[in-house]
């Protein structure tokens, strides 16, 4: 049985410098994104579109949403399988194509999760299967009209990336 969920956010433009949108260069793209009883998120447009680089832009938040959704599903799947994850990091990247008329679209997002697992035996097959299952469950990825790829790497818990590289061990990638 399907369950419907609703999410409510508020957005307030804070970039009126006194002239409103009289001219393209007369206003800031600054805004505040808020959800009741949560810290506000300072937003702007990408600096390429006259935005403030010290604030989050919608494109970054989309990529972060995909990364976060995947991580939460992956951790759930590991927990259900009795796999103990001790750390998780992702350096997700998103690619957007801007059209000549100024519009555009995302063409791909690639997740690069690094996962540290207790008692990891070096066999990435099960971990990669859990990443694939998490990807299939991700609400955000299922809502996108562009490819979302996952290129995971797994390490033994407690082992640093520096040690992994220094030891010259092969890094097992999945996808």
C-alpha atoms as a PDB file:
ATOM      1  CA  UNK A   1       0.000   0.000   0.000  1.00  0.00           C
ATOM      2  CA  UNK A   2       1.391   3.389  -0.992  1.00  0.00           C
ATOM      3  CA  UNK A   3       1.768   6.158   1.572  1.00  0.00           C
ATOM      4  CA  UNK A   4       1.637   9.811   0.621  1.00  0.00           C
ATOM      5  CA  UNK A   5       4.079  12.209   2.294  1.00  0.00           C
ATOM      6  CA  UNK A   6       4.105  15.988   2.080  1.00  0.00           C
ATOM      7  CA  UNK A   7       7.048  18.312   2.697  1.00  0.00           C
ATOM      8  CA  UNK A   8       6.659  22.013   3.390  1.00  0.00           C
ATOM      9  CA  UNK A   9       9.358  24.624   2.993  1.00  0.00           C
ATOM     10  CA  UNK A  10       9.373  28.383   3.014  1.00  0.00           C
ATOM     11  CA  UNK A  11      11.510  30.666   0.937  1.00  0.00           C
ATOM     12  CA  UNK A  12      12.023  34.400   1.391  1.00  0.00           C
ATOM     13  CA  UNK A  13      13.989  36.541  -1.051  1.00  0.00           C
ATOM     14  CA  UNK A  14      16.366  38.819   0.865  1.00  0.00           C
ATOM     15  CA  UNK A  15      18.192  40.356  -2.100  1.00  0.00           C
ATOM     16  CA  UNK A  16      16.228  43.574  -2.656  1.00  0.00           C
ATOM     17  CA  UNK A  17      18.907  46.281  -2.566  1.00  0.00           C
ATOM     18  CA  UNK A  18      16.290  49.035  -2.661  1.00  0.00           C
ATOM     19  CA  UNK A  19      15.392  48.987  -6.355  1.00  0.00           C
ATOM     20  CA  UNK A  20      13.736  45.570  -6.553  1.00  0.00           C
ATOM     21  CA  UNK A  21      14.272  43.877  -9.908  1.00  0.00           C
ATOM     22  CA  UNK A  22      14.495  47.163 -11.857  1.00  0.00           C
ATOM     23  CA  UNK A  23      17.530  45.795 -13.702  1.00  0.00           C
ATOM     24  CA  UNK A  24      19.198  42.390 -13.903  1.00  0.00           C
ATOM     25  CA  UNK A  25      22.234  43.729 -12.046  1.00  0.00           C
ATOM     26  CA  UNK A  26      20.289  45.744  -9.463  1.00  0.00           C
ATOM     27  CA  UNK A  27      19.306  42.915  -7.139  1.00  0.00           C
ATOM     28  CA  UNK A  28      21.004  40.144  -5.216  1.00  0.00           C
ATOM     29  CA  UNK A  29      20.020  36.510  -5.573  1.00  0.00           C
ATOM     30  CA  UNK A  30      20.137  35.995  -1.791  1.00  0.00           C
ATOM     31  CA  UNK A  31      17.297  34.166  -0.121  1.00  0.00           C
ATOM     32  CA  UNK A  32      16.569  32.113   2.986  1.00  0.00           C
ATOM     33  CA  UNK A  33      15.165  28.600   2.846  1.00  0.00           C
ATOM     34  CA  UNK A  34      13.420  27.501   6.008  1.00  0.00           C
ATOM     35  CA  UNK A  35      11.463  24.659   7.478  1.00  0.00           C
ATOM     36  CA  UNK A  36       9.580  25.068  10.728  1.00  0.00           C
ATOM     37  CA  UNK A  37      11.732  24.405  13.830  1.00  0.00           C
ATOM     38  CA  UNK A  38      14.952  23.913  11.823  1.00  0.00           C
ATOM     39  CA  UNK A  39      17.943  26.150  11.126  1.00  0.00           C
ATOM     40  CA  UNK A  40      17.599  28.376   8.062  1.00  0.00           C
ATOM     41  CA  UNK A  41      19.641  27.680   4.932  1.00  0.00           C
ATOM     42  CA  UNK A  42      21.199  30.739   3.285  1.00  0.00           C
ATOM     43  CA  UNK A  43      20.645  30.465  -0.455  1.00  0.00           C
ATOM     44  CA  UNK A  44      21.684  32.256  -3.613  1.00  0.00           C
ATOM     45  CA  UNK A  45      22.261  31.418  -7.241  1.00  0.00           C
ATOM     46  CA  UNK A  46      25.445  29.904  -8.613  1.00  0.00           C
ATOM     47  CA  UNK A  47      28.167  32.608  -8.852  1.00  0.00           C
ATOM     48  CA  UNK A  48      28.058  32.168 -12.653  1.00  0.00           C
ATOM     49  CA  UNK A  49      24.547  33.633 -12.439  1.00  0.00           C
ATOM     50  CA  UNK A  50      25.458  36.574 -10.181  1.00  0.00           C
ATOM     51  CA  UNK A  51      25.081  34.558  -6.987  1.00  0.00           C
ATOM     52  CA  UNK A  52      26.892  34.737  -3.670  1.00  0.00           C
ATOM     53  CA  UNK A  53      29.471  31.928  -3.448  1.00  0.00           C
ATOM     54  CA  UNK A  54      29.242  31.908   0.364  1.00  0.00           C
ATOM     55  CA  UNK A  55      25.627  30.678   0.170  1.00  0.00           C
ATOM     56  CA  UNK A  56      24.194  27.372  -1.026  1.00  0.00           C
ATOM     57  CA  UNK A  57      22.774  27.326  -4.546  1.00  0.00           C
ATOM     58  CA  UNK A  58      19.925  25.098  -5.785  1.00  0.00           C
ATOM     59  CA  UNK A  59      22.295  23.011  -7.894  1.00  0.00           C
ATOM     60  CA  UNK A  60      24.484  22.179  -4.887  1.00  0.00           C
ATOM     61  CA  UNK A  61      21.425  21.361  -2.805  1.00  0.00           C
ATOM     62  CA  UNK A  62      20.133  18.977  -5.483  1.00  0.00           C
ATOM     63  CA  UNK A  63      23.456  17.107  -5.587  1.00  0.00           C
ATOM     64  CA  UNK A  64      23.578  17.080  -1.760  1.00  0.00           C
ATOM     65  CA  UNK A  65      20.005  15.729  -1.614  1.00  0.00           C
ATOM     66  CA  UNK A  66      20.924  12.822  -3.880  1.00  0.00           C
ATOM     67  CA  UNK A  67      24.032  12.079  -1.814  1.00  0.00           C
ATOM     68  CA  UNK A  68      22.148  12.279   1.476  1.00  0.00           C
ATOM     69  CA  UNK A  69      19.225  10.119   0.322  1.00  0.00           C
ATOM     70  CA  UNK A  70      21.589   7.428  -0.971  1.00  0.00           C
ATOM     71  CA  UNK A  71      23.602   7.426   2.256  1.00  0.00           C
ATOM     72  CA  UNK A  72      20.516   7.102   4.461  1.00  0.00           C
ATOM     73  CA  UNK A  73      19.190   4.152   2.439  1.00  0.00           C
ATOM     74  CA  UNK A  74      22.624   2.502   2.357  1.00  0.00           C
ATOM     75  CA  UNK A  75      23.037   2.789   6.144  1.00  0.00           C
ATOM     76  CA  UNK A  76      19.552   1.345   6.618  1.00  0.00           C
ATOM     77  CA  UNK A  77      20.339  -1.588   4.326  1.00  0.00           C
ATOM     78  CA  UNK A  78      23.639  -2.284   6.105  1.00  0.00           C
ATOM     79  CA  UNK A  79      21.964  -2.154   9.497  1.00  0.00           C
ATOM     80  CA  UNK A  80      19.292  -4.614   8.332  1.00  0.00           C
ATOM     81  CA  UNK A  81      22.037  -6.978   7.038  1.00  0.00           C
ATOM     82  CA  UNK A  82      24.105  -6.779  10.239  1.00  0.00           C
ATOM     83  CA  UNK A  83      26.933  -4.910   8.487  1.00  0.00           C
ATOM     84  CA  UNK A  84      28.549  -2.365  10.793  1.00  0.00           C
ATOM     85  CA  UNK A  85      29.440   0.874   9.016  1.00  0.00           C
ATOM     86  CA  UNK A  86      31.667   3.095  11.150  1.00  0.00           C
ATOM     87  CA  UNK A  87      32.138   6.031   8.761  1.00  0.00           C
ATOM     88  CA  UNK A  88      30.719   7.294   5.487  1.00  0.00           C
ATOM     89  CA  UNK A  89      31.816  10.150   3.244  1.00  0.00           C
ATOM     90  CA  UNK A  90      30.740  11.213  -0.210  1.00  0.00           C
ATOM     91  CA  UNK A  91      32.171  13.741  -2.658  1.00  0.00           C
ATOM     92  CA  UNK A  92      29.273  13.806  -5.106  1.00  0.00           C
ATOM     93  CA  UNK A  93      29.556  15.689  -8.391  1.00  0.00           C
ATOM     94  CA  UNK A  94      26.835  17.033 -10.626  1.00  0.00           C
ATOM     95  CA  UNK A  95      27.076  18.077 -14.264  1.00  0.00           C
ATOM     96  CA  UNK A  96      24.763  20.666 -15.723  1.00  0.00           C
ATOM     97  CA  UNK A  97      24.470  21.807 -19.323  1.00  0.00           C
ATOM     98  CA  UNK A  98      23.468  25.418 -19.903  1.00  0.00           C
ATOM     99  CA  UNK A  99      21.600  26.111 -23.125  1.00  0.00           C
ATOM    100  CA  UNK A 100      22.294  29.101 -25.369  1.00  0.00           C
ATOM    101  CA  UNK A 101      19.044  30.729 -24.193  1.00  0.00           C
ATOM    102  CA  UNK A 102      20.133  30.554 -20.519  1.00  0.00           C
ATOM    103  CA  UNK A 103      18.034  27.528 -19.553  1.00  0.00           C
ATOM    104  CA  UNK A 104      19.569  24.179 -18.875  1.00  0.00           C
ATOM    105  CA  UNK A 105      19.431  20.845 -17.142  1.00  0.00           C
ATOM    106  CA  UNK A 106      21.466  18.405 -15.169  1.00  0.00           C
ATOM    107  CA  UNK A 107      23.021  15.737 -17.363  1.00  0.00           C
ATOM    108  CA  UNK A 108      24.354  13.482 -14.595  1.00  0.00           C
ATOM    109  CA  UNK A 109      25.229  13.158 -10.936  1.00  0.00           C
ATOM    110  CA  UNK A 110      27.917  10.775  -9.733  1.00  0.00           C
ATOM    111  CA  UNK A 111      28.088   9.712  -6.105  1.00  0.00           C
ATOM    112  CA  UNK A 112      31.527   8.727  -4.784  1.00  0.00           C
ATOM    113  CA  UNK A 113      30.768   7.176  -1.390  1.00  0.00           C
ATOM    114  CA  UNK A 114      33.671   6.019   0.767  1.00  0.00           C
ATOM    115  CA  UNK A 115      32.499   3.574   3.403  1.00  0.00           C
ATOM    116  CA  UNK A 116      34.383   2.142   6.372  1.00  0.00           C
ATOM    117  CA  UNK A 117      33.049  -1.251   7.476  1.00  0.00           C
ATOM    118  CA  UNK A 118      33.931  -3.197  10.605  1.00  0.00           C
ATOM    119  CA  UNK A 119      35.507  -6.590   9.785  1.00  0.00           C
ATOM    120  CA  UNK A 120      35.585  -5.806   6.067  1.00  0.00           C
ATOM    121  CA  UNK A 121      37.147  -8.765   4.256  1.00  0.00           C
ATOM    122  CA  UNK A 122      38.011  -6.964   1.018  1.00  0.00           C
ATOM    123  CA  UNK A 123      35.119  -8.522  -0.912  1.00  0.00           C
ATOM    124  CA  UNK A 124      33.199  -5.577  -2.317  1.00  0.00           C
ATOM    125  CA  UNK A 125      30.416  -7.676  -3.900  1.00  0.00           C
ATOM    126  CA  UNK A 126      27.973  -7.519  -0.965  1.00  0.00           C
ATOM    127  CA  UNK A 127      28.701  -3.842  -0.241  1.00  0.00           C
ATOM    128  CA  UNK A 128      28.210  -2.966  -3.918  1.00  0.00           C
ATOM    129  CA  UNK A 129      24.916  -4.894  -3.945  1.00  0.00           C
ATOM    130  CA  UNK A 130      23.741  -2.832  -0.971  1.00  0.00           C
ATOM    131  CA  UNK A 131      24.719   0.381  -2.775  1.00  0.00           C
ATOM    132  CA  UNK A 132      22.709  -0.795  -5.800  1.00  0.00           C
ATOM    133  CA  UNK A 133      19.710  -1.608  -3.600  1.00  0.00           C
ATOM    134  CA  UNK A 134      19.972   1.776  -1.848  1.00  0.00           C
ATOM    135  CA  UNK A 135      20.100   3.488  -5.236  1.00  0.00           C
ATOM    136  CA  UNK A 136      16.891   1.749  -6.311  1.00  0.00           C
ATOM    137  CA  UNK A 137      15.140   2.919  -3.121  1.00  0.00           C
ATOM    138  CA  UNK A 138      16.344   6.540  -3.157  1.00  0.00           C
ATOM    139  CA  UNK A 139      13.304   8.798  -3.440  1.00  0.00           C
ATOM    140  CA  UNK A 140      15.307  11.671  -4.875  1.00  0.00           C
ATOM    141  CA  UNK A 141      17.171   9.600  -7.500  1.00  0.00           C
ATOM    142  CA  UNK A 142      13.862   8.028  -8.558  1.00  0.00           C
ATOM    143  CA  UNK A 143      12.523  11.528  -9.210  1.00  0.00           C
ATOM    144  CA  UNK A 144      15.328  12.655 -11.532  1.00  0.00           C
ATOM    145  CA  UNK A 145      15.262  12.646 -15.323  1.00  0.00           C
ATOM    146  CA  UNK A 146      19.048  12.312 -15.614  1.00  0.00           C
ATOM    147  CA  UNK A 147      21.399   9.467 -14.687  1.00  0.00           C
ATOM    148  CA  UNK A 148      22.569   9.169 -11.093  1.00  0.00           C
ATOM    149  CA  UNK A 149      25.588   6.876 -10.849  1.00  0.00           C
ATOM    150  CA  UNK A 150      27.323   5.440  -7.814  1.00  0.00           C
ATOM    151  CA  UNK A 151      31.053   4.662  -7.661  1.00  0.00           C
ATOM    152  CA  UNK A 152      31.614   3.347  -4.120  1.00  0.00           C
ATOM    153  CA  UNK A 153      34.847   2.461  -2.361  1.00  0.00           C
ATOM    154  CA  UNK A 154      34.966   0.381   0.826  1.00  0.00           C
ATOM    155  CA  UNK A 155      37.655   0.259   3.540  1.00  0.00           C
ATOM    156  CA  UNK A 156      38.240  -1.702   6.715  1.00  0.00           C
ATOM    157  CA  UNK A 157      37.005   0.332   9.707  1.00  0.00           C
ATOM    158  CA  UNK A 158      39.823   2.311  11.267  1.00  0.00           C
ATOM    159  CA  UNK A 159      41.943   2.338   8.129  1.00  0.00           C
ATOM    160  CA  UNK A 160      42.627   5.825   6.834  1.00  0.00           C
ATOM    161  CA  UNK A 161      42.571   6.742   3.168  1.00  0.00           C
ATOM    162  CA  UNK A 162      46.188   7.855   3.530  1.00  0.00           C
ATOM    163  CA  UNK A 163      47.163   4.379   4.770  1.00  0.00           C
ATOM    164  CA  UNK A 164      45.209   2.752   1.933  1.00  0.00           C
ATOM    165  CA  UNK A 165      47.130   4.780  -0.635  1.00  0.00           C
ATOM    166  CA  UNK A 166      50.476   4.454   1.165  1.00  0.00           C
ATOM    167  CA  UNK A 167      50.179   0.665   1.333  1.00  0.00           C
ATOM    168  CA  UNK A 168      49.476   0.706  -2.396  1.00  0.00           C
ATOM    169  CA  UNK A 169      46.542  -1.660  -1.924  1.00  0.00           C
ATOM    170  CA  UNK A 170      44.076  -1.887  -4.767  1.00  0.00           C
ATOM    171  CA  UNK A 171      40.911   0.048  -4.059  1.00  0.00           C
ATOM    172  CA  UNK A 172      37.793  -1.952  -4.869  1.00  0.00           C
ATOM    173  CA  UNK A 173      35.248   0.063  -6.795  1.00  0.00           C
ATOM    174  CA  UNK A 174      31.723  -0.914  -7.563  1.00  0.00           C
ATOM    175  CA  UNK A 175      28.881   0.590  -9.486  1.00  0.00           C
END
